[in-house]
Amino acid sequence: MIEKTKNSGLPIKTIQELKAEAEAICGIPEKANLSDEIIAVIKWVDGTVIDSVYKVIE
């Protein structure tokens, strides 16, 4: 993708550069303190579980 767009005049940045820029503006987020309790399950269209969401402990 970089090769296809490098002469387009658009500001091309790597994901690492974007992450560093966001952290410089917003700071580095704290890690969430999670419990073992699953509060949601994300499924693909065929019913396959692809992710789980855990409860945050405040």
N, C-alpha and C. Protein backbone atom coordinates (compact mmCIF):
# COMPACT_ATOMS: atom_id res chain seq x y z
N MET A 1 0.83 -1.18 0.00
CA MET A 1 0.00 0.00 0.00
C MET A 1 0.88 1.26 0.00
N ILE A 2 1.98 1.21 0.77
CA ILE A 2 2.88 2.37 0.81
C ILE A 2 3.44 2.65 -0.58
N GLU A 3 3.84 1.59 -1.31
CA GLU A 3 4.38 1.77 -2.66
C GLU A 3 3.36 2.42 -3.59
N LYS A 4 2.10 2.03 -3.47
CA LYS A 4 1.05 2.55 -4.35
C LYS A 4 0.72 4.01 -4.05
N THR A 5 0.95 4.47 -2.81
CA THR A 5 0.53 5.82 -2.42
C THR A 5 1.67 6.78 -2.14
N LYS A 6 2.93 6.34 -2.24
CA LYS A 6 4.03 7.20 -1.81
C LYS A 6 4.20 8.45 -2.67
N ASN A 7 3.78 8.47 -3.90
CA ASN A 7 3.88 9.66 -4.75
C ASN A 7 2.55 10.39 -4.89
N SER A 8 1.61 10.11 -4.00
CA SER A 8 0.28 10.71 -4.10
C SER A 8 0.20 12.10 -3.48
N GLY A 9 1.19 12.48 -2.69
CA GLY A 9 1.13 13.76 -2.00
C GLY A 9 0.45 13.67 -0.64
N LEU A 10 -0.07 12.49 -0.32
CA LEU A 10 -0.70 12.29 0.98
C LEU A 10 0.36 12.07 2.05
N PRO A 11 0.09 12.49 3.29
CA PRO A 11 1.05 12.22 4.37
C PRO A 11 1.00 10.74 4.78
N ILE A 12 1.95 9.96 4.34
CA ILE A 12 1.99 8.52 4.60
C ILE A 12 2.77 8.27 5.89
N LYS A 13 2.15 7.52 6.83
CA LYS A 13 2.79 7.20 8.10
C LYS A 13 2.59 5.72 8.40
N THR A 14 3.56 5.14 9.10
CA THR A 14 3.41 3.75 9.53
C THR A 14 2.49 3.70 10.75
N ILE A 15 2.02 2.52 11.07
CA ILE A 15 1.17 2.36 12.25
C ILE A 15 1.94 2.72 13.52
N GLN A 16 3.24 2.46 13.52
CA GLN A 16 4.08 2.81 14.67
C GLN A 16 4.19 4.33 14.83
N GLU A 17 4.30 5.04 13.72
CA GLU A 17 4.35 6.50 13.77
C GLU A 17 3.02 7.07 14.26
N LEU A 18 1.91 6.50 13.81
CA LEU A 18 0.59 6.95 14.25
C LEU A 18 0.40 6.71 15.75
N LYS A 19 0.86 5.55 16.24
CA LYS A 19 0.77 5.23 17.66
C LYS A 19 1.58 6.22 18.48
N ALA A 20 2.80 6.50 18.05
CA ALA A 20 3.66 7.45 18.77
C ALA A 20 3.05 8.84 18.79
N GLU A 21 2.46 9.25 17.68
CA GLU A 21 1.82 10.57 17.60
C GLU A 21 0.61 10.64 18.55
N ALA A 22 -0.21 9.60 18.57
CA ALA A 22 -1.37 9.58 19.45
C ALA A 22 -0.94 9.58 20.91
N GLU A 23 0.10 8.82 21.27
CA GLU A 23 0.59 8.79 22.64
C GLU A 23 1.20 10.12 23.05
N ALA A 24 1.82 10.83 22.12
CA ALA A 24 2.39 12.15 22.43
C ALA A 24 1.29 13.15 22.73
N ILE A 25 0.16 13.02 22.05
CA ILE A 25 -0.96 13.94 22.25
C ILE A 25 -1.77 13.56 23.49
N CYS A 26 -2.09 12.28 23.62
CA CYS A 26 -3.03 11.83 24.66
C CYS A 26 -2.37 11.19 25.88
N GLY A 27 -1.11 10.79 25.77
CA GLY A 27 -0.46 10.04 26.82
C GLY A 27 -0.68 8.55 26.62
N ILE A 28 0.02 7.75 27.40
CA ILE A 28 -0.10 6.30 27.31
C ILE A 28 -1.21 5.86 28.27
N PRO A 29 -2.22 5.14 27.78
CA PRO A 29 -3.32 4.74 28.65
C PRO A 29 -2.90 3.71 29.69
N GLU A 30 -3.56 3.77 30.84
CA GLU A 30 -3.31 2.77 31.89
C GLU A 30 -3.94 1.45 31.48
N LYS A 31 -3.35 0.35 31.97
CA LYS A 31 -3.92 -0.96 31.72
C LYS A 31 -5.23 -1.09 32.49
N ALA A 32 -6.23 -1.69 31.88
CA ALA A 32 -7.50 -1.91 32.55
C ALA A 32 -7.36 -3.07 33.53
N ASN A 33 -8.01 -2.95 34.68
CA ASN A 33 -8.04 -4.01 35.67
C ASN A 33 -9.29 -4.85 35.38
N LEU A 34 -9.10 -6.05 34.85
CA LEU A 34 -10.21 -6.89 34.41
C LEU A 34 -10.48 -8.03 35.37
N SER A 35 -11.77 -8.36 35.51
CA SER A 35 -12.14 -9.52 36.31
C SER A 35 -12.15 -10.75 35.40
N ASP A 36 -12.45 -11.90 35.96
CA ASP A 36 -12.57 -13.12 35.16
C ASP A 36 -13.96 -13.28 34.56
N GLU A 37 -14.87 -12.36 34.91
CA GLU A 37 -16.26 -12.46 34.47
C GLU A 37 -16.41 -11.97 33.02
N ILE A 38 -16.90 -12.85 32.16
CA ILE A 38 -17.17 -12.49 30.77
C ILE A 38 -18.56 -11.85 30.72
N ILE A 39 -18.64 -10.64 30.13
CA ILE A 39 -19.92 -9.95 30.07
C ILE A 39 -20.50 -9.90 28.65
N ALA A 40 -19.71 -10.28 27.66
CA ALA A 40 -20.20 -10.33 26.28
C ALA A 40 -19.32 -11.27 25.47
N VAL A 41 -19.91 -11.83 24.44
CA VAL A 41 -19.19 -12.71 23.53
C VAL A 41 -19.45 -12.22 22.11
N ILE A 42 -18.40 -12.09 21.32
CA ILE A 42 -18.55 -11.65 19.94
C ILE A 42 -18.46 -12.88 19.05
N LYS A 43 -19.48 -13.03 18.20
CA LYS A 43 -19.54 -14.20 17.31
C LYS A 43 -19.51 -13.77 15.86
N TRP A 44 -18.91 -14.62 15.04
CA TRP A 44 -18.91 -14.43 13.60
C TRP A 44 -20.28 -14.84 13.08
N VAL A 45 -20.57 -14.57 11.83
CA VAL A 45 -21.89 -14.86 11.26
C VAL A 45 -22.25 -16.34 11.31
N ASP A 46 -21.25 -17.22 11.34
CA ASP A 46 -21.52 -18.65 11.39
C ASP A 46 -21.63 -19.18 12.82
N GLY A 47 -21.54 -18.27 13.82
CA GLY A 47 -21.68 -18.66 15.22
C GLY A 47 -20.36 -18.91 15.92
N THR A 48 -19.25 -18.86 15.22
CA THR A 48 -17.94 -19.05 15.83
C THR A 48 -17.63 -17.89 16.76
N VAL A 49 -17.21 -18.20 17.99
CA VAL A 49 -16.81 -17.16 18.94
C VAL A 49 -15.45 -16.63 18.53
N ILE A 50 -15.37 -15.30 18.33
CA ILE A 50 -14.11 -14.70 17.90
C ILE A 50 -13.49 -13.80 18.96
N ASP A 51 -14.25 -13.45 20.01
CA ASP A 51 -13.70 -12.61 21.07
C ASP A 51 -14.62 -12.65 22.28
N SER A 52 -14.08 -12.27 23.43
CA SER A 52 -14.86 -12.15 24.67
C SER A 52 -14.55 -10.82 25.31
N VAL A 53 -15.54 -10.25 25.98
CA VAL A 53 -15.38 -8.97 26.68
C VAL A 53 -15.48 -9.24 28.17
N TYR A 54 -14.48 -8.78 28.92
CA TYR A 54 -14.43 -9.03 30.35
C TYR A 54 -14.85 -7.78 31.12
N LYS A 55 -15.42 -7.98 32.30
CA LYS A 55 -15.86 -6.89 33.16
C LYS A 55 -14.63 -6.15 33.71
N VAL A 56 -14.74 -4.82 33.70
CA VAL A 56 -13.68 -3.98 34.24
C VAL A 56 -13.93 -3.75 35.72
N ILE A 57 -12.90 -3.94 36.54
CA ILE A 57 -12.98 -3.68 37.97
C ILE A 57 -12.47 -2.26 38.19
N GLU A 58 -13.27 -1.43 38.84
CA GLU A 58 -12.85 -0.03 39.07
C GLU A 58 -12.17 0.13 40.40
